[in-house]
Protein backbone atom coordinates (compact mmCIF):
# COMPACT_ATOMS: atom_id res chain seq x y z
CA UNK A 1 65.62 86.34 90.32
CA UNK A 2 68.81 88.43 90.08
CA UNK A 3 70.97 90.38 92.46
CA UNK A 4 71.55 94.03 91.61
CA UNK A 5 74.99 93.26 90.13
CA UNK A 6 73.52 90.47 87.99
CA UNK A 7 70.68 92.72 86.84
CA UNK A 8 73.05 95.51 85.77
CA UNK A 9 75.29 92.96 84.00
CA UNK A 10 72.29 91.58 82.13
CA UNK A 11 71.16 95.04 81.05
CA UNK A 12 74.63 96.33 80.18
CA UNK A 13 76.77 93.23 79.50
CA UNK A 14 79.39 95.14 77.52
CA UNK A 15 79.92 97.59 80.42
CA UNK A 16 79.40 100.59 78.13
CA UNK A 17 78.99 104.01 79.73
CA UNK A 18 78.15 107.37 78.16
CA UNK A 19 78.42 110.98 79.29
CA UNK A 20 75.23 112.38 80.81
CA UNK A 21 74.90 114.78 77.88
CA UNK A 22 74.90 111.96 75.32
CA UNK A 23 71.15 111.41 75.47
CA UNK A 24 70.13 114.67 77.11
CA UNK A 25 66.76 115.77 75.77
CA UNK A 26 64.26 118.54 76.38
CA UNK A 27 60.52 118.46 75.76
CA UNK A 28 61.30 120.20 72.46
CA UNK A 29 63.77 117.45 71.50
CA UNK A 30 61.23 114.71 72.23
CA UNK A 31 58.55 116.44 70.16
CA UNK A 32 60.09 117.38 66.79
CA UNK A 33 57.30 118.90 64.76
CA UNK A 34 58.80 121.70 62.65
CA UNK A 35 60.74 121.29 59.45
CA UNK A 36 62.73 123.73 57.31
CA UNK A 37 60.77 125.32 54.46
CA UNK A 38 63.24 127.94 53.23
CA UNK A 39 65.69 130.72 54.07
CA UNK A 40 66.27 134.28 52.92
CA UNK A 41 68.15 137.45 53.91
CA UNK A 42 66.71 140.91 54.45
CA UNK A 43 68.30 144.02 55.97
CA UNK A 44 71.38 142.10 57.21
CA UNK A 45 69.22 139.49 58.95
CA UNK A 46 68.83 135.82 58.07
CA UNK A 47 65.24 134.60 58.13
CA UNK A 48 64.35 130.91 58.24
CA UNK A 49 60.84 129.63 57.57
CA UNK A 50 59.79 126.53 59.50
CA UNK A 51 56.60 124.67 58.66
CA UNK A 52 54.51 122.78 61.18
CA UNK A 53 51.27 120.83 61.08
CA UNK A 54 49.31 123.99 61.96
CA UNK A 55 51.10 126.76 60.04
CA UNK A 56 54.50 128.43 60.01
CA UNK A 57 57.16 129.83 62.35
CA UNK A 58 59.58 132.52 61.20
CA UNK A 59 63.07 132.65 62.75
CA UNK A 60 65.34 135.68 62.53
CA UNK A 61 69.02 135.07 63.27
CA UNK A 62 68.05 131.96 65.22
CA UNK A 63 65.21 133.44 67.32
CA UNK A 64 61.47 133.07 66.70
CA UNK A 65 59.93 136.39 65.65
CA UNK A 66 56.59 135.37 64.11
CA UNK A 67 54.07 132.56 63.78
CA UNK A 68 51.24 132.04 61.30
CA UNK A 69 48.22 130.05 62.46
CA UNK A 70 44.65 130.04 61.12
CA UNK A 71 45.40 132.97 58.81
CA UNK A 72 46.73 135.25 61.57
CA UNK A 73 50.33 136.49 61.60
CA UNK A 74 51.48 136.81 65.23
CA UNK A 75 54.55 139.02 65.44
CA UNK A 76 56.80 139.39 68.46
CA UNK A 77 56.84 142.76 70.24
CA UNK A 78 59.17 145.30 68.60
CA UNK A 79 59.02 143.47 65.24
CA UNK A 80 56.83 145.05 62.56
CA UNK A 81 54.52 142.76 60.55
CA UNK A 82 55.89 144.26 57.33
CA UNK A 83 59.39 143.08 58.33
CA UNK A 84 58.36 139.43 57.89
CA UNK A 85 59.37 138.29 54.40
CA UNK A 86 57.31 136.07 52.12
CA UNK A 87 60.24 135.21 49.82
CA UNK A 88 62.24 132.13 50.82
CA UNK A 89 64.85 130.10 48.95
CA UNK A 90 64.23 131.99 45.75
CA UNK A 91 60.44 131.83 45.60
CA UNK A 92 57.32 133.44 47.00
CA UNK A 93 55.67 131.40 49.75
CA UNK A 94 51.98 131.96 50.40
CA UNK A 95 51.72 131.98 54.20
CA UNK A 96 47.95 132.41 54.07
CA UNK A 97 48.03 135.62 56.16
CA UNK A 98 44.70 137.46 56.43
CA UNK A 99 45.45 139.64 59.48
CA UNK A 100 48.27 140.35 61.93
CA UNK A 101 48.73 140.89 65.66
CA UNK A 102 51.72 142.07 67.70
CA UNK A 103 52.14 139.98 70.88
CA UNK A 104 54.62 139.84 73.74
CA UNK A 105 55.08 136.07 73.75
CA UNK A 106 54.94 133.65 70.83
CA UNK A 107 55.03 130.41 72.82
CA UNK A 108 51.31 129.63 72.67
CA UNK A 109 51.11 130.44 68.96
CA UNK A 110 54.19 128.36 68.14
CA UNK A 111 52.58 125.49 70.05
CA UNK A 112 49.51 125.83 67.81
CA UNK A 113 51.72 125.71 64.73
CA UNK A 114 53.61 122.69 65.98
CA UNK A 115 50.33 120.86 66.72
CA UNK A 116 52.27 118.44 68.88
CA UNK A 117 49.22 116.84 70.48
CA UNK A 118 47.59 115.78 67.22
CA UNK A 119 50.91 114.55 65.83
CA UNK A 120 51.62 112.44 68.93
CA UNK A 121 48.12 111.00 68.98
CA UNK A 122 48.67 110.00 65.36
CA UNK A 123 52.15 108.55 66.00
CA UNK A 124 51.12 106.75 69.23
CA UNK A 125 47.47 105.76 68.73
CA UNK A 126 47.44 102.78 71.12
CA UNK A 127 46.55 103.79 74.72
CA UNK A 128 48.14 101.48 77.29
CA UNK A 129 47.46 103.22 80.60
CA UNK A 130 46.42 106.50 82.22
CA UNK A 131 48.37 107.65 85.27
CA UNK A 132 48.62 110.68 87.57
CA UNK A 133 51.92 112.15 88.80
CA UNK A 134 51.96 115.12 91.19
CA UNK A 135 48.26 115.58 90.50
CA UNK A 136 48.85 115.92 86.74
CA UNK A 137 47.30 113.42 84.26
CA UNK A 138 49.48 111.50 81.81
CA UNK A 139 48.81 108.86 79.17
CA UNK A 140 51.13 105.99 78.26
CA UNK A 141 50.76 105.19 74.57
CA UNK A 142 52.51 103.10 71.92
CA UNK A 143 52.97 103.27 68.17
CA UNK A 144 51.08 99.96 67.87
CA UNK A 145 49.88 97.17 70.15
CA UNK A 146 53.01 95.92 72.01
CA UNK A 147 54.16 92.35 71.45
CA UNK A 148 56.81 90.35 73.26
CA UNK A 149 60.30 91.46 72.20
CA UNK A 150 58.75 93.50 69.39
CA UNK A 151 60.60 96.73 70.29
CA UNK A 152 57.44 98.81 69.88
CA UNK A 153 58.11 102.44 70.86
CA UNK A 154 56.37 103.68 74.02
CA UNK A 155 55.70 107.30 75.00
CA UNK A 156 54.29 109.10 78.02
CA UNK A 157 52.25 112.16 77.03
CA UNK A 158 51.33 115.03 79.35
CA UNK A 159 47.99 116.85 79.41
CA UNK A 160 49.15 119.04 76.49
CA UNK A 161 49.85 115.97 74.40
CA UNK A 162 53.63 116.46 74.60
CA UNK A 163 55.88 113.43 74.96
CA UNK A 164 57.80 113.72 78.25
CA UNK A 165 59.41 110.26 78.12
CA UNK A 166 60.08 107.68 75.42
CA UNK A 167 61.39 104.12 75.26
CA UNK A 168 62.41 102.73 71.89
CA UNK A 169 64.59 100.33 69.92
CA UNK A 170 67.92 101.95 69.02
CA UNK A 171 69.79 99.59 66.67
CA UNK A 172 68.71 96.56 68.66
CA UNK A 173 69.30 98.15 72.07
CA UNK A 174 67.06 100.00 74.52
CA UNK A 175 66.94 103.79 74.43
CA UNK A 176 65.04 105.45 77.28
CA UNK A 177 64.84 109.23 77.35
CA UNK A 178 63.07 111.52 79.82
CA UNK A 179 62.75 115.25 79.11
CA UNK A 180 65.01 117.19 81.47
CA UNK A 181 62.01 119.29 82.56
CA UNK A 182 60.32 116.12 83.85
CA UNK A 183 63.16 114.34 85.60
CA UNK A 184 63.10 113.19 89.24
CA UNK A 185 59.40 112.36 88.96
CA UNK A 186 59.70 108.62 88.32
CA UNK A 187 58.98 108.65 84.57
CA UNK A 188 62.18 106.73 83.77
CA UNK A 189 61.20 103.86 86.06
CA UNK A 190 57.60 103.84 84.84
CA UNK A 191 58.39 103.63 81.15
CA UNK A 192 61.47 101.43 81.74
CA UNK A 193 59.49 98.82 83.66
CA UNK A 194 56.82 98.77 80.96
CA UNK A 195 59.42 98.53 78.19
CA UNK A 196 61.19 95.53 79.78
CA UNK A 197 57.86 93.88 80.54
CA UNK A 198 57.28 93.71 76.79
CA UNK A 199 60.95 93.42 75.76
CA UNK A 200 62.69 91.20 78.34
CA UNK A 201 65.49 90.23 75.93
CA UNK A 202 66.44 93.81 75.13
CA UNK A 203 69.72 95.08 76.53
CA UNK A 204 70.90 98.62 77.12
CA UNK A 205 73.17 100.21 74.55
CA UNK A 206 75.18 101.58 77.48
CA UNK A 207 74.37 103.51 80.63
CA UNK A 208 74.61 107.18 81.41
CA UNK A 209 74.90 107.93 85.12
CA UNK A 210 71.18 108.75 85.21
CA UNK A 211 70.33 105.67 83.14
CA UNK A 212 72.14 103.35 85.53
CA UNK A 213 70.40 104.99 88.50
CA UNK A 214 67.09 104.45 86.75
CA UNK A 215 67.95 100.77 86.19
CA UNK A 216 68.72 100.42 89.91
CA UNK A 217 65.32 101.91 90.77
CA UNK A 218 63.62 99.50 88.39
CA UNK A 219 65.38 96.54 90.03
CA UNK A 220 64.52 97.79 93.52
CA UNK A 221 60.87 98.25 92.53
CA UNK A 222 60.67 94.67 91.31
CA UNK A 223 62.36 93.26 94.41
CA UNK A 224 60.10 95.31 96.70
CA UNK A 225 57.08 93.91 94.89
CA UNK A 226 58.29 90.32 95.47
CA UNK A 227 58.95 91.09 99.14
CA UNK A 228 55.57 92.73 99.72
CA UNK A 229 53.70 89.83 98.10
CA UNK A 230 55.67 87.14 99.94
CA UNK A 231 56.82 85.56 96.70
CA UNK A 232 60.41 85.01 97.87
CA UNK A 233 59.16 82.96 100.85
CA UNK A 234 56.97 80.90 98.56
CA UNK A 235 59.90 80.20 96.18
CA UNK A 236 62.04 79.09 99.13
CA UNK A 237 59.29 76.77 100.38
CA UNK A 238 59.01 75.28 96.89
CA UNK A 239 62.76 74.75 96.76
CA UNK A 240 63.25 77.07 93.77
CA UNK A 241 65.42 79.51 95.79
CA UNK A 242 67.59 79.12 98.86
CA UNK A 243 67.34 81.44 101.85
CA UNK A 244 70.95 82.53 101.18
CA UNK A 245 70.04 83.41 97.61
CA UNK A 246 67.13 85.55 98.80
CA UNK A 247 69.47 87.37 101.24
CA UNK A 248 71.95 87.99 98.41
CA UNK A 249 69.17 89.46 96.26
CA UNK A 250 67.52 91.63 98.91
CA UNK A 251 70.56 92.84 100.85
CA UNK A 252 70.86 95.97 98.67
CA UNK A 253 67.22 96.96 99.17
CA UNK A 254 66.35 99.35 102.00
CA UNK A 255 63.38 98.37 104.13
CA UNK A 256 62.05 101.94 103.98
CA UNK A 257 59.03 102.68 101.86
CA UNK A 258 59.63 105.18 99.06
CA UNK A 259 58.39 108.68 99.95
CA UNK A 260 54.94 109.68 98.74
CA UNK A 261 54.82 112.20 95.90
CA UNK A 262 54.56 115.85 96.71
CA UNK A 263 52.23 118.21 94.85
CA UNK A 264 53.85 120.28 92.11
CA UNK A 265 54.77 123.88 93.05
CA UNK A 266 52.03 125.30 90.83
CA UNK A 267 49.37 123.08 92.42
CA UNK A 268 50.57 123.97 95.91
CA UNK A 269 50.54 127.69 95.20
CA UNK A 270 46.97 127.61 93.87
CA UNK A 271 45.75 125.46 96.73
CA UNK A 272 47.56 127.14 99.62
CA UNK A 273 47.45 130.74 98.42
CA UNK A 274 51.22 131.24 98.68
CA UNK A 275 51.36 134.09 96.15
CA UNK A 276 52.99 137.29 97.46
CA UNK A 277 53.28 140.69 95.79
CA UNK A 278 56.16 143.01 96.65
CA UNK A 279 55.34 146.62 95.73
CA UNK A 280 57.75 149.52 95.78
CA UNK A 281 56.57 151.97 93.14
CA UNK A 282 57.66 152.14 90.34
CA UNK A 283 58.43 148.40 90.52
CA UNK A 284 56.69 145.25 91.74
CA UNK A 285 57.41 141.52 91.96
CA UNK A 286 54.96 138.59 92.11
CA UNK A 287 56.51 135.60 93.87
CA UNK A 288 55.81 132.41 95.82
CA UNK A 289 56.25 132.72 99.59
CA UNK A 290 58.68 129.80 99.48
CA UNK A 291 61.23 132.24 98.10
CA UNK A 292 61.65 133.51 101.66
CA UNK A 293 63.18 130.17 102.65
CA UNK A 294 64.66 129.08 99.33
CA UNK A 295 66.01 131.94 97.23
CA UNK A 296 65.49 130.39 93.81
CA UNK A 297 64.21 132.23 90.73
CA UNK A 298 61.75 129.41 90.05
CA UNK A 299 59.65 131.05 92.81
CA UNK A 300 59.72 134.45 91.05
CA UNK A 301 56.69 134.55 88.75
CA UNK A 302 56.18 138.16 87.62
CA UNK A 303 57.95 141.52 87.46
CA UNK A 304 57.03 145.03 86.36
CA UNK A 305 58.76 148.41 86.25
CA UNK A 306 57.17 151.76 85.37
CA UNK A 307 58.86 154.76 83.85
CA UNK A 308 57.54 158.15 82.85
CA UNK A 309 58.14 160.43 79.88
CA UNK A 310 57.22 164.07 79.48
CA UNK A 311 55.91 163.16 76.04
CA UNK A 312 53.57 160.25 76.83
CA UNK A 313 53.34 159.97 80.62
CA UNK A 314 53.60 156.62 82.44
CA UNK A 315 54.49 153.45 80.57
CA UNK A 316 55.66 149.96 81.52
CA UNK A 317 59.35 149.87 80.79
CA UNK A 318 59.25 146.13 81.52
CA UNK A 319 56.58 143.56 82.36
CA UNK A 320 57.48 139.88 82.40
CA UNK A 321 55.95 136.75 83.83
CA UNK A 322 55.70 132.99 83.73
CA UNK A 323 52.71 132.32 81.47
CA UNK A 324 50.33 130.97 84.19
CA UNK A 325 50.86 134.25 86.06
CA UNK A 326 50.06 136.65 83.20
CA UNK A 327 46.66 137.78 84.49
CA UNK A 328 47.80 138.37 88.07
CA UNK A 329 50.97 140.23 87.02
CA UNK A 330 49.10 142.37 84.49
CA UNK A 331 46.29 143.11 86.96
CA UNK A 332 48.82 144.30 89.57
CA UNK A 333 50.36 146.65 87.00
CA UNK A 334 46.98 148.05 85.97
CA UNK A 335 45.91 148.51 89.59
CA UNK A 336 49.16 150.32 90.42
CA UNK A 337 48.50 152.78 87.59
CA UNK A 338 44.91 153.24 88.76
CA UNK A 339 46.07 153.93 92.32
CA UNK A 340 48.48 156.54 90.96
CA UNK A 341 45.61 158.11 89.00
CA UNK A 342 47.38 157.79 85.67
CA UNK A 343 46.67 155.60 82.60
CA UNK A 344 49.37 153.46 80.99
CA UNK A 345 50.73 154.45 77.60
CA UNK A 346 50.77 151.44 75.22
CA UNK A 347 51.44 153.16 71.90
CA UNK A 348 54.51 152.96 69.69
CA UNK A 349 57.97 153.93 70.77
CA UNK A 350 57.88 153.36 74.52
CA UNK A 351 58.02 150.42 76.86
CA UNK A 352 57.09 146.78 76.81
CA UNK A 353 53.98 145.03 75.50
CA UNK A 354 50.96 144.95 77.81
CA UNK A 355 48.61 142.04 77.08
CA UNK A 356 45.18 142.77 78.59
CA UNK A 357 43.13 140.10 76.83
CA UNK A 358 40.78 138.34 79.26
CA UNK A 359 41.23 140.87 82.07
CA UNK A 360 38.01 142.50 83.25
CA UNK A 361 37.26 146.23 83.50
CA UNK A 362 40.06 147.38 81.20
CA UNK A 363 39.40 150.31 78.91
CA UNK A 364 41.53 151.52 76.04
CA UNK A 365 41.37 155.10 74.87
CA UNK A 366 43.67 155.84 71.98
CA UNK A 367 47.19 154.85 73.05
CA UNK A 368 46.32 154.50 76.74
CA UNK A 369 44.76 151.74 78.86
CA UNK A 370 43.31 151.93 82.35
CA UNK A 371 41.06 150.00 84.73
CA UNK A 372 37.54 151.30 85.22
CA UNK A 373 37.23 149.83 88.72
CA UNK A 374 39.43 148.38 91.46
CA UNK A 375 40.47 144.76 91.03
CA UNK A 376 42.57 144.34 94.18
CA UNK A 377 43.54 146.33 97.26
CA UNK A 378 47.26 146.78 96.80
CA UNK A 379 47.66 148.27 100.28
CA UNK A 380 46.28 145.09 101.84
CA UNK A 381 48.32 142.84 99.55
CA UNK A 382 51.47 144.83 100.27
CA UNK A 383 50.83 144.75 104.03
CA UNK A 384 50.56 140.95 104.04
CA UNK A 385 53.71 140.56 101.94
CA UNK A 386 55.70 142.95 104.11
CA UNK A 387 54.56 141.21 107.32
CA UNK A 388 55.87 137.80 106.27
CA UNK A 389 59.03 139.10 104.61
CA UNK A 390 60.12 141.34 107.48
CA UNK A 391 59.81 138.43 109.90
CA UNK A 392 62.79 136.74 108.17
CA UNK A 393 64.50 139.75 106.54
CA UNK A 394 65.42 142.26 109.23
CA UNK A 395 68.14 143.90 107.16
CA UNK A 396 66.52 143.90 103.71
CA UNK A 397 68.87 141.32 102.19
CA UNK A 398 66.05 139.12 100.86
CA UNK A 399 64.32 142.16 99.38
CA UNK A 400 67.44 143.05 97.39
CA UNK A 401 67.89 139.46 96.24
CA UNK A 402 64.24 139.29 95.18
CA UNK A 403 64.58 142.43 93.06
CA UNK A 404 67.86 141.30 91.51
CA UNK A 405 66.46 137.90 90.52
CA UNK A 406 63.27 139.46 89.14
CA UNK A 407 65.26 141.89 87.01
CA UNK A 408 67.60 139.21 85.68
CA UNK A 409 65.26 136.22 85.19
CA UNK A 410 63.92 137.24 81.79
CA UNK A 411 67.06 138.93 80.49
């Protein structure tokens, strides 16, 4: 049984400390699944071909412009399929393309190429535990059955099969990494406690500020467990610890219980119906009502802006959204056009890409799309939004901030 100072000394006996950026990692960093397959130049652009377990990704000047999966070439909006080369590093590469599609976002198709889930299941086949954090399911897995002081790598996978935290042997020391998108959720403590359960002799290779804080939480968790089970009292009665020693160990632990976990923003929005739609033709914004109290762009989920041309009529100059909000944002845009009595031009040369897949009652006629029936009453939606916003925004300051954040978030 160690005091906090003794615990930190045992974990980091050489008193090594690293900058916070030293082991900074994103979900992408924890899930490497693409490798270089060749490069070429065309029309003053450098193209790089990356190969994954499920196909290919094409980069142009460092940005993804196309993905090939199951024989389909998915090309980013404003890039022509014929612009994608098939000649890399001095040879023709058969990408297996049978058809092509122009899409607004490549994220889902790149994910299919990366095939992260199947790769991680292969790399970490041993399931140790299933847990739930913020209502989301996760699986703790290992590269093989753990053994005492065996240094077997552990990983926590999310529902998509992506690794969000890892604990591994780094040249005889412990390396714990949590993806920055998943920090402050307790993953460091969870995987750290499990790692040291199986590897009690392992030391840290040095602390970052976050790593030391995580070690403190691990120590506190262990001490709280001993307190709650009455084990310290039992050790004192058996003469294995003195009362003074117990006070020295527990003095740094607050008697307060750790706060219960809150639901994730996405879960709360779906459950509580916090979505709001600001409409001021020709623009609109889809946002979470919590924006009214906390002006943060994470609560801005969709944005659209119409323009008109004497040549083609109305078109969406911009439409952007967080992926879970695609259908709602697109439906609002289509309903706005229906209310104005005009179809939306989606042909070449004007505006942004409008993805209508999976949205009911949408008809395409030539280069125009429209809704054949009402999907939502925008007047009612707008009335509700205005009622709640005006109650805290007498002078229109929040409205202006909302529009500014919506216009800048995706640019």
